[in-house]
């Protein structure tokens, strides 16, 4: 199970890196804002806006991944404790 999780994590990172060029797209409103402000502030405004969009896009997914990881780890610990309790019961009744 752990190997499967690591393979999926590696695949996700490779997928994100390969498609990162497409992640710099903007919505129509953002694009209009950039086009009007490019003349005033230069290209730096567009780059900052793209970075902000990516930050807002990635943050919820990272949060869900972290919560999922801790949930998975906690459930594994709980399963191990249940197995230990079952083994103790079996030893007690078999003795």
PDB file of N, CA and C in Angstrom:
ATOM      1  N   UNK A   1       0.823  -1.191   0.000  1.00  0.00           N
ATOM      2  CA  UNK A   1       0.000   0.000   0.000  1.00  0.00           C
ATOM      3  C   UNK A   1       0.868   1.256   0.000  1.00  0.00           C
ATOM      4  N   UNK A   2       1.950   1.214   0.749  1.00  0.00           N
ATOM      5  CA  UNK A   2       2.821   2.379   0.816  1.00  0.00           C
ATOM      6  C   UNK A   2       3.503   2.624  -0.528  1.00  0.00           C
ATOM      7  N   UNK A   3       3.904   1.552  -1.203  1.00  0.00           N
ATOM      8  CA  UNK A   3       4.540   1.703  -2.514  1.00  0.00           C
ATOM      9  C   UNK A   3       3.559   2.302  -3.511  1.00  0.00           C
ATOM     10  N   UNK A   4       2.300   1.876  -3.454  1.00  0.00           N
ATOM     11  CA  UNK A   4       1.283   2.410  -4.344  1.00  0.00           C
ATOM     12  C   UNK A   4       1.098   3.901  -4.103  1.00  0.00           C
ATOM     13  N   UNK A   5       1.052   4.309  -2.831  1.00  0.00           N
ATOM     14  CA  UNK A   5       0.892   5.713  -2.481  1.00  0.00           C
ATOM     15  C   UNK A   5       2.072   6.537  -3.004  1.00  0.00           C
ATOM     16  N   UNK A   6       3.277   6.029  -2.842  1.00  0.00           N
ATOM     17  CA  UNK A   6       4.460   6.749  -3.317  1.00  0.00           C
ATOM     18  C   UNK A   6       4.481   6.843  -4.844  1.00  0.00           C
ATOM     19  N   UNK A   7       4.050   5.792  -5.523  1.00  0.00           N
ATOM     20  CA  UNK A   7       3.985   5.837  -6.983  1.00  0.00           C
ATOM     21  C   UNK A   7       2.969   6.870  -7.454  1.00  0.00           C
ATOM     22  N   UNK A   8       1.823   6.921  -6.805  1.00  0.00           N
ATOM     23  CA  UNK A   8       0.803   7.901  -7.181  1.00  0.00           C
ATOM     24  C   UNK A   8       1.280   9.321  -6.900  1.00  0.00           C
ATOM     25  N   UNK A   9       1.990   9.509  -5.795  1.00  0.00           N
ATOM     26  CA  UNK A   9       2.523  10.825  -5.471  1.00  0.00           C
ATOM     27  C   UNK A   9       3.555  11.258  -6.510  1.00  0.00           C
ATOM     28  N   UNK A  10       4.446  10.341  -6.887  1.00  0.00           N
ATOM     29  CA  UNK A  10       5.457  10.642  -7.897  1.00  0.00           C
ATOM     30  C   UNK A  10       4.796  10.942  -9.243  1.00  0.00           C
ATOM     31  N   UNK A  11       3.789  10.153  -9.605  1.00  0.00           N
ATOM     32  CA  UNK A  11       3.074  10.399 -10.864  1.00  0.00           C
ATOM     33  C   UNK A  11       2.418  11.773 -10.855  1.00  0.00           C
ATOM     34  N   UNK A  12       1.832  12.158  -9.719  1.00  0.00           N
ATOM     35  CA  UNK A  12       1.179  13.469  -9.615  1.00  0.00           C
ATOM     36  C   UNK A  12       2.181  14.590  -9.820  1.00  0.00           C
ATOM     37  N   UNK A  13       3.343  14.473  -9.187  1.00  0.00           N
ATOM     38  CA  UNK A  13       4.361  15.522  -9.327  1.00  0.00           C
ATOM     39  C   UNK A  13       4.866  15.615 -10.766  1.00  0.00           C
ATOM     40  N   UNK A  14       5.079  14.465 -11.405  1.00  0.00           N
ATOM     41  CA  UNK A  14       5.535  14.469 -12.794  1.00  0.00           C
ATOM     42  C   UNK A  14       4.465  15.110 -13.682  1.00  0.00           C
ATOM     43  N   UNK A  15       3.204  14.776 -13.446  1.00  0.00           N
ATOM     44  CA  UNK A  15       2.115  15.346 -14.225  1.00  0.00           C
ATOM     45  C   UNK A  15       2.061  16.862 -14.057  1.00  0.00           C
ATOM     46  N   UNK A  16       2.221  17.332 -12.841  1.00  0.00           N
ATOM     47  CA  UNK A  16       2.189  18.772 -12.582  1.00  0.00           C
ATOM     48  C   UNK A  16       3.360  19.467 -13.268  1.00  0.00           C
ATOM     49  N   UNK A  17       4.535  18.876 -13.210  1.00  0.00           N
ATOM     50  CA  UNK A  17       5.712  19.492 -13.826  1.00  0.00           C
ATOM     51  C   UNK A  17       5.573  19.531 -15.351  1.00  0.00           C
ATOM     52  N   UNK A  18       5.068  18.444 -15.941  1.00  0.00           N
ATOM     53  CA  UNK A  18       4.933  18.380 -17.389  1.00  0.00           C
ATOM     54  C   UNK A  18       3.903  19.384 -17.895  1.00  0.00           C
ATOM     55  N   UNK A  19       2.824  19.564 -17.152  1.00  0.00           N
ATOM     56  CA  UNK A  19       1.753  20.455 -17.608  1.00  0.00           C
ATOM     57  C   UNK A  19       1.850  21.850 -16.996  1.00  0.00           C
ATOM     58  N   UNK A  20       2.975  22.189 -16.401  1.00  0.00           N
ATOM     59  CA  UNK A  20       3.075  23.483 -15.719  1.00  0.00           C
ATOM     60  C   UNK A  20       3.000  24.659 -16.685  1.00  0.00           C
ATOM     61  N   UNK A  21       3.329  24.467 -17.924  1.00  0.00           N
ATOM     62  CA  UNK A  21       3.213  25.548 -18.897  1.00  0.00           C
ATOM     63  C   UNK A  21       1.769  25.964 -19.117  1.00  0.00           C
ATOM     64  N   UNK A  22       0.864  25.015 -19.043  1.00  0.00           N
ATOM     65  CA  UNK A  22      -0.544  25.317 -19.212  1.00  0.00           C
ATOM     66  C   UNK A  22      -1.153  25.937 -17.963  1.00  0.00           C
ATOM     67  N   UNK A  23      -0.490  25.821 -16.831  1.00  0.00           N
ATOM     68  CA  UNK A  23      -1.026  26.367 -15.594  1.00  0.00           C
ATOM     69  C   UNK A  23      -0.938  27.882 -15.526  1.00  0.00           C
ATOM     70  N   UNK A  24      -0.246  28.512 -16.438  1.00  0.00           N
ATOM     71  CA  UNK A  24      -0.095  29.957 -16.417  1.00  0.00           C
ATOM     72  C   UNK A  24      -1.243  30.669 -17.124  1.00  0.00           C
ATOM     73  N   UNK A  25      -2.317  29.955 -17.420  1.00  0.00           N
ATOM     74  CA  UNK A  25      -3.469  30.563 -18.078  1.00  0.00           C
ATOM     75  C   UNK A  25      -4.207  31.466 -17.095  1.00  0.00           C
ATOM     76  N   UNK A  26      -4.918  32.431 -17.647  1.00  0.00           N
ATOM     77  CA  UNK A  26      -5.665  33.375 -16.823  1.00  0.00           C
ATOM     78  C   UNK A  26      -7.126  33.357 -17.223  1.00  0.00           C
ATOM     79  N   UNK A  27      -7.977  33.765 -16.274  1.00  0.00           N
ATOM     80  CA  UNK A  27      -9.394  33.902 -16.601  1.00  0.00           C
ATOM     81  C   UNK A  27      -9.582  35.173 -17.431  1.00  0.00           C
ATOM     82  N   UNK A  28     -10.776  35.338 -17.992  1.00  0.00           N
ATOM     83  CA  UNK A  28     -11.034  36.475 -18.887  1.00  0.00           C
ATOM     84  C   UNK A  28     -10.915  37.806 -18.154  1.00  0.00           C
ATOM     85  N   UNK A  29     -11.408  37.876 -16.926  1.00  0.00           N
ATOM     86  CA  UNK A  29     -11.343  39.135 -16.177  1.00  0.00           C
ATOM     87  C   UNK A  29      -9.901  39.483 -15.825  1.00  0.00           C
ATOM     88  N   UNK A  30      -9.145  38.488 -15.427  1.00  0.00           N
ATOM     89  CA  UNK A  30      -7.739  38.735 -15.089  1.00  0.00           C
ATOM     90  C   UNK A  30      -6.965  39.178 -16.331  1.00  0.00           C
ATOM     91  N   UNK A  31      -7.279  38.541 -17.447  1.00  0.00           N
ATOM     92  CA  UNK A  31      -6.585  38.897 -18.687  1.00  0.00           C
ATOM     93  C   UNK A  31      -6.876  40.350 -19.079  1.00  0.00           C
ATOM     94  N   UNK A  32      -8.137  40.764 -18.939  1.00  0.00           N
ATOM     95  CA  UNK A  32      -8.500  42.142 -19.260  1.00  0.00           C
ATOM     96  C   UNK A  32      -7.780  43.115 -18.327  1.00  0.00           C
ATOM     97  N   UNK A  33      -7.681  42.749 -17.059  1.00  0.00           N
ATOM     98  CA  UNK A  33      -6.982  43.603 -16.093  1.00  0.00           C
ATOM     99  C   UNK A  33      -5.503  43.720 -16.444  1.00  0.00           C
ATOM    100  N   UNK A  34      -4.927  42.620 -16.852  1.00  0.00           N
ATOM    101  CA  UNK A  34      -3.506  42.632 -17.221  1.00  0.00           C
ATOM    102  C   UNK A  34      -3.290  43.474 -18.469  1.00  0.00           C
ATOM    103  N   UNK A  35      -4.154  43.325 -19.451  1.00  0.00           N
ATOM    104  CA  UNK A  35      -3.985  44.077 -20.694  1.00  0.00           C
ATOM    105  C   UNK A  35      -4.073  45.581 -20.465  1.00  0.00           C
ATOM    106  N   UNK A  36      -4.939  46.006 -19.551  1.00  0.00           N
ATOM    107  CA  UNK A  36      -5.048  47.443 -19.289  1.00  0.00           C
ATOM    108  C   UNK A  36      -3.896  47.955 -18.441  1.00  0.00           C
ATOM    109  N   UNK A  37      -3.332  47.095 -17.601  1.00  0.00           N
ATOM    110  CA  UNK A  37      -2.270  47.536 -16.697  1.00  0.00           C
ATOM    111  C   UNK A  37      -0.865  47.287 -17.231  1.00  0.00           C
ATOM    112  N   UNK A  38      -0.727  46.563 -18.326  1.00  0.00           N
ATOM    113  CA  UNK A  38       0.599  46.276 -18.872  1.00  0.00           C
ATOM    114  C   UNK A  38       1.273  47.576 -19.305  1.00  0.00           C
ATOM    115  N   UNK A  39       0.514  48.462 -19.870  1.00  0.00           N
ATOM    116  CA  UNK A  39       1.094  49.728 -20.331  1.00  0.00           C
ATOM    117  C   UNK A  39       1.592  50.568 -19.154  1.00  0.00           C
ATOM    118  N   UNK A  40       0.881  50.503 -18.025  1.00  0.00           N
ATOM    119  CA  UNK A  40       1.255  51.320 -16.871  1.00  0.00           C
ATOM    120  C   UNK A  40       2.391  50.690 -16.060  1.00  0.00           C
ATOM    121  N   UNK A  41       2.232  49.425 -15.694  1.00  0.00           N
ATOM    122  CA  UNK A  41       3.175  48.771 -14.792  1.00  0.00           C
ATOM    123  C   UNK A  41       4.187  47.878 -15.488  1.00  0.00           C
ATOM    124  N   UNK A  42       4.001  47.598 -16.706  1.00  0.00           N
ATOM    125  CA  UNK A  42       4.923  46.721 -17.421  1.00  0.00           C
ATOM    126  C   UNK A  42       4.539  45.260 -17.258  1.00  0.00           C
ATOM    127  N   UNK A  43       5.425  44.389 -17.719  1.00  0.00           N
ATOM    128  CA  UNK A  43       5.173  42.953 -17.717  1.00  0.00           C
ATOM    129  C   UNK A  43       5.187  42.383 -16.298  1.00  0.00           C
ATOM    130  N   UNK A  44       5.851  43.020 -15.363  1.00  0.00           N
ATOM    131  CA  UNK A  44       5.951  42.510 -13.991  1.00  0.00           C
ATOM    132  C   UNK A  44       4.599  42.303 -13.340  1.00  0.00           C
ATOM    133  N   UNK A  45       3.631  43.136 -13.659  1.00  0.00           N
ATOM    134  CA  UNK A  45       2.286  42.998 -13.096  1.00  0.00           C
ATOM    135  C   UNK A  45       1.657  41.675 -13.514  1.00  0.00           C
ATOM    136  N   UNK A  46       1.814  41.311 -14.789  1.00  0.00           N
ATOM    137  CA  UNK A  46       1.240  40.063 -15.288  1.00  0.00           C
ATOM    138  C   UNK A  46       1.887  38.863 -14.608  1.00  0.00           C
ATOM    139  N   UNK A  47       3.187  38.909 -14.420  1.00  0.00           N
ATOM    140  CA  UNK A  47       3.883  37.796 -13.759  1.00  0.00           C
ATOM    141  C   UNK A  47       3.428  37.656 -12.316  1.00  0.00           C
ATOM    142  N   UNK A  48       3.255  38.787 -11.633  1.00  0.00           N
ATOM    143  CA  UNK A  48       2.801  38.743 -10.241  1.00  0.00           C
ATOM    144  C   UNK A  48       1.371  38.212 -10.161  1.00  0.00           C
ATOM    145  N   UNK A  49       0.543  38.598 -11.107  1.00  0.00           N
ATOM    146  CA  UNK A  49      -0.835  38.118 -11.126  1.00  0.00           C
ATOM    147  C   UNK A  49      -0.873  36.614 -11.365  1.00  0.00           C
ATOM    148  N   UNK A  50      -0.059  36.119 -12.293  1.00  0.00           N
ATOM    149  CA  UNK A  50       0.017  34.673 -12.537  1.00  0.00           C
ATOM    150  C   UNK A  50       0.478  33.931 -11.294  1.00  0.00           C
ATOM    151  N   UNK A  51       1.464  34.459 -10.602  1.00  0.00           N
ATOM    152  CA  UNK A  51       1.947  33.824  -9.383  1.00  0.00           C
ATOM    153  C   UNK A  51       0.852  33.792  -8.329  1.00  0.00           C
ATOM    154  N   UNK A  52       0.109  34.869  -8.189  1.00  0.00           N
ATOM    155  CA  UNK A  52      -0.981  34.909  -7.224  1.00  0.00           C
ATOM    156  C   UNK A  52      -2.079  33.908  -7.547  1.00  0.00           C
ATOM    157  N   UNK A  53      -2.408  33.790  -8.832  1.00  0.00           N
ATOM    158  CA  UNK A  53      -3.425  32.826  -9.250  1.00  0.00           C
ATOM    159  C   UNK A  53      -2.969  31.412  -8.939  1.00  0.00           C
ATOM    160  N   UNK A  54      -1.724  31.096  -9.246  1.00  0.00           N
ATOM    161  CA  UNK A  54      -1.209  29.753  -8.956  1.00  0.00           C
ATOM    162  C   UNK A  54      -1.189  29.477  -7.456  1.00  0.00           C
ATOM    163  N   UNK A  55      -0.824  30.468  -6.667  1.00  0.00           N
ATOM    164  CA  UNK A  55      -0.807  30.311  -5.215  1.00  0.00           C
ATOM    165  C   UNK A  55      -2.210  29.997  -4.704  1.00  0.00           C
ATOM    166  N   UNK A  56      -3.203  30.739  -5.179  1.00  0.00           N
ATOM    167  CA  UNK A  56      -4.578  30.494  -4.751  1.00  0.00           C
ATOM    168  C   UNK A  56      -5.102  29.154  -5.272  1.00  0.00           C
ATOM    169  N   UNK A  57      -4.601  28.706  -6.403  1.00  0.00           N
ATOM    170  CA  UNK A  57      -5.029  27.440  -6.981  1.00  0.00           C
ATOM    171  C   UNK A  57      -4.440  26.246  -6.221  1.00  0.00           C
ATOM    172  N   UNK A  58      -3.183  26.345  -5.828  1.00  0.00           N
ATOM    173  CA  UNK A  58      -2.483  25.213  -5.236  1.00  0.00           C
ATOM    174  C   UNK A  58      -2.788  25.041  -3.748  1.00  0.00           C
ATOM    175  N   UNK A  59      -3.017  26.110  -3.040  1.00  0.00           N
ATOM    176  CA  UNK A  59      -3.173  26.053  -1.587  1.00  0.00           C
ATOM    177  C   UNK A  59      -4.265  25.085  -1.126  1.00  0.00           C
ATOM    178  N   UNK A  60      -5.478  25.102  -1.659  1.00  0.00           N
ATOM    179  CA  UNK A  60      -6.483  24.148  -1.170  1.00  0.00           C
ATOM    180  C   UNK A  60      -6.102  22.694  -1.428  1.00  0.00           C
ATOM    181  N   UNK A  61      -5.473  22.437  -2.559  1.00  0.00           N
ATOM    182  CA  UNK A  61      -5.075  21.063  -2.856  1.00  0.00           C
ATOM    183  C   UNK A  61      -3.983  20.585  -1.907  1.00  0.00           C
ATOM    184  N   UNK A  62      -3.036  21.439  -1.601  1.00  0.00           N
ATOM    185  CA  UNK A  62      -2.007  21.067  -0.632  1.00  0.00           C
ATOM    186  C   UNK A  62      -2.612  20.806   0.738  1.00  0.00           C
ATOM    187  N   UNK A  63      -3.563  21.631   1.130  1.00  0.00           N
ATOM    188  CA  UNK A  63      -4.227  21.453   2.409  1.00  0.00           C
ATOM    189  C   UNK A  63      -4.954  20.113   2.467  1.00  0.00           C
ATOM    190  N   UNK A  64      -5.657  19.769   1.400  1.00  0.00           N
ATOM    191  CA  UNK A  64      -6.354  18.487   1.352  1.00  0.00           C
ATOM    192  C   UNK A  64      -5.363  17.329   1.383  1.00  0.00           C
ATOM    193  N   UNK A  65      -4.231  17.466   0.687  1.00  0.00           N
ATOM    194  CA  UNK A  65      -3.221  16.405   0.692  1.00  0.00           C
ATOM    195  C   UNK A  65      -2.631  16.202   2.081  1.00  0.00           C
ATOM    196  N   UNK A  66      -2.344  17.290   2.789  1.00  0.00           N
ATOM    197  CA  UNK A  66      -1.776  17.178   4.137  1.00  0.00           C
ATOM    198  C   UNK A  66      -2.783  16.533   5.083  1.00  0.00           C
ATOM    199  N   UNK A  67      -4.031  16.972   5.033  1.00  0.00           N
ATOM    200  CA  UNK A  67      -5.064  16.372   5.888  1.00  0.00           C
ATOM    201  C   UNK A  67      -5.235  14.898   5.547  1.00  0.00           C
ATOM    202  N   UNK A  68      -5.250  14.564   4.259  1.00  0.00           N
ATOM    203  CA  UNK A  68      -5.373  13.166   3.834  1.00  0.00           C
ATOM    204  C   UNK A  68      -4.214  12.316   4.328  1.00  0.00           C
ATOM    205  N   UNK A  69      -3.013  12.861   4.291  1.00  0.00           N
ATOM    206  CA  UNK A  69      -1.853  12.111   4.761  1.00  0.00           C
ATOM    207  C   UNK A  69      -1.969  11.807   6.253  1.00  0.00           C
ATOM    208  N   UNK A  70      -2.312  12.823   7.047  1.00  0.00           N
ATOM    209  CA  UNK A  70      -2.436  12.594   8.482  1.00  0.00           C
ATOM    210  C   UNK A  70      -3.601  11.645   8.803  1.00  0.00           C
ATOM    211  N   UNK A  71      -4.671  11.734   8.048  1.00  0.00           N
ATOM    212  CA  UNK A  71      -5.800  10.833   8.232  1.00  0.00           C
ATOM    213  C   UNK A  71      -5.373   9.399   7.910  1.00  0.00           C
ATOM    214  N   UNK A  72      -4.658   9.222   6.818  1.00  0.00           N
ATOM    215  CA  UNK A  72      -4.171   7.896   6.434  1.00  0.00           C
ATOM    216  C   UNK A  72      -3.250   7.319   7.504  1.00  0.00           C
ATOM    217  N   UNK A  73      -2.319   8.134   7.981  1.00  0.00           N
ATOM    218  CA  UNK A  73      -1.383   7.674   9.005  1.00  0.00           C
ATOM    219  C   UNK A  73      -2.109   7.293  10.295  1.00  0.00           C
ATOM    220  N   UNK A  74      -3.087   8.099  10.681  1.00  0.00           N
ATOM    221  CA  UNK A  74      -3.840   7.813  11.902  1.00  0.00           C
ATOM    222  C   UNK A  74      -4.659   6.538  11.750  1.00  0.00           C
ATOM    223  N   UNK A  75      -5.237   6.321  10.576  1.00  0.00           N
ATOM    224  CA  UNK A  75      -6.032   5.112  10.364  1.00  0.00           C
ATOM    225  C   UNK A  75      -5.147   3.869  10.370  1.00  0.00           C
ATOM    226  N   UNK A  76      -3.931   4.000   9.843  1.00  0.00           N
ATOM    227  CA  UNK A  76      -3.004   2.863   9.887  1.00  0.00           C
ATOM    228  C   UNK A  76      -2.624   2.507  11.314  1.00  0.00           C
ATOM    229  N   UNK A  77      -2.390   3.537  12.144  1.00  0.00           N
ATOM    230  CA  UNK A  77      -2.072   3.295  13.550  1.00  0.00           C
ATOM    231  C   UNK A  77      -3.247   2.635  14.258  1.00  0.00           C
ATOM    232  N   UNK A  78      -4.453   3.083  13.953  1.00  0.00           N
ATOM    233  CA  UNK A  78      -5.644   2.512  14.572  1.00  0.00           C
ATOM    234  C   UNK A  78      -5.813   1.045  14.171  1.00  0.00           C
ATOM    235  N   UNK A  79      -5.574   0.736  12.897  1.00  0.00           N
ATOM    236  CA  UNK A  79      -5.687  -0.651  12.433  1.00  0.00           C
ATOM    237  C   UNK A  79      -4.661  -1.534  13.127  1.00  0.00           C
ATOM    238  N   UNK A  80      -3.438  -1.036  13.307  1.00  0.00           N
ATOM    239  CA  UNK A  80      -2.409  -1.813  13.992  1.00  0.00           C
ATOM    240  C   UNK A  80      -2.787  -2.069  15.439  1.00  0.00           C
ATOM    241  N   UNK A  81      -3.365  -1.084  16.110  1.00  0.00           N
ATOM    242  CA  UNK A  81      -3.801  -1.268  17.498  1.00  0.00           C
ATOM    243  C   UNK A  81      -4.921  -2.298  17.579  1.00  0.00           C
ATOM    244  N   UNK A  82      -5.826  -2.293  16.607  1.00  0.00           N
ATOM    245  CA  UNK A  82      -6.898  -3.286  16.593  1.00  0.00           C
ATOM    246  C   UNK A  82      -6.351  -4.690  16.393  1.00  0.00           C
ATOM    247  N   UNK A  83      -5.367  -4.834  15.514  1.00  0.00           N
ATOM    248  CA  UNK A  83      -4.765  -6.150  15.290  1.00  0.00           C
ATOM    249  C   UNK A  83      -4.056  -6.642  16.543  1.00  0.00           C
ATOM    250  N   UNK A  84      -3.354  -5.747  17.236  1.00  0.00           N
ATOM    251  CA  UNK A  84      -2.690  -6.127  18.483  1.00  0.00           C
ATOM    252  C   UNK A  84      -3.704  -6.553  19.524  1.00  0.00           C
ATOM    253  N   UNK A  85      -4.837  -5.865  19.608  1.00  0.00           N
ATOM    254  CA  UNK A  85      -5.871  -6.225  20.574  1.00  0.00           C
ATOM    255  C   UNK A  85      -6.463  -7.591  20.237  1.00  0.00           C
ATOM    256  N   UNK A  86      -6.672  -7.881  18.968  1.00  0.00           N
ATOM    257  CA  UNK A  86      -7.182  -9.179  18.558  1.00  0.00           C
ATOM    258  C   UNK A  86      -6.193 -10.289  18.890  1.00  0.00           C
ATOM    259  N   UNK A  87      -4.902 -10.039  18.672  1.00  0.00           N
ATOM    260  CA  UNK A  87      -3.893 -11.036  19.012  1.00  0.00           C
ATOM    261  C   UNK A  87      -3.867 -11.301  20.509  1.00  0.00           C
ATOM    262  N   UNK A  88      -4.010 -10.271  21.319  1.00  0.00           N
ATOM    263  CA  UNK A  88      -4.044 -10.452  22.778  1.00  0.00           C
ATOM    264  C   UNK A  88      -5.251 -11.291  23.182  1.00  0.00           C
ATOM    265  N   UNK A  89      -6.416 -11.031  22.577  1.00  0.00           N
ATOM    266  CA  UNK A  89      -7.598 -11.817  22.888  1.00  0.00           C
ATOM    267  C   UNK A  89      -7.403 -13.273  22.511  1.00  0.00           C
ATOM    268  N   UNK A  90      -6.810 -13.521  21.346  1.00  0.00           N
ATOM    269  CA  UNK A  90      -6.570 -14.893  20.917  1.00  0.00           C
ATOM    270  C   UNK A  90      -5.613 -15.605  21.853  1.00  0.00           C
ATOM    271  N   UNK A  91      -4.560 -14.931  22.268  1.00  0.00           N
ATOM    272  CA  UNK A  91      -3.602 -15.534  23.196  1.00  0.00           C
ATOM    273  C   UNK A  91      -4.247 -15.816  24.539  1.00  0.00           C
ATOM    274  N   UNK A  92      -5.110 -14.919  24.992  1.00  0.00           N
ATOM    275  CA  UNK A  92      -5.773 -15.087  26.275  1.00  0.00           C
ATOM    276  C   UNK A  92      -6.728 -16.266  26.250  1.00  0.00           C
ATOM    277  N   UNK A  93      -7.493 -16.399  25.171  1.00  0.00           N
ATOM    278  CA  UNK A  93      -8.456 -17.499  25.089  1.00  0.00           C
ATOM    279  C   UNK A  93      -7.781 -18.823  24.759  1.00  0.00           C
ATOM    280  N   UNK A  94      -6.662 -18.826  24.068  1.00  0.00           N
ATOM    281  CA  UNK A  94      -5.961 -20.052  23.720  1.00  0.00           C
ATOM    282  C   UNK A  94      -5.110 -20.577  24.858  1.00  0.00           C
ATOM    283  N   UNK A  95      -4.784 -19.742  25.821  1.00  0.00           N
ATOM    284  CA  UNK A  95      -3.894 -20.144  26.915  1.00  0.00           C
ATOM    285  C   UNK A  95      -4.607 -20.916  27.960  1.00  0.00           C
TER     286      UNK A  95
END
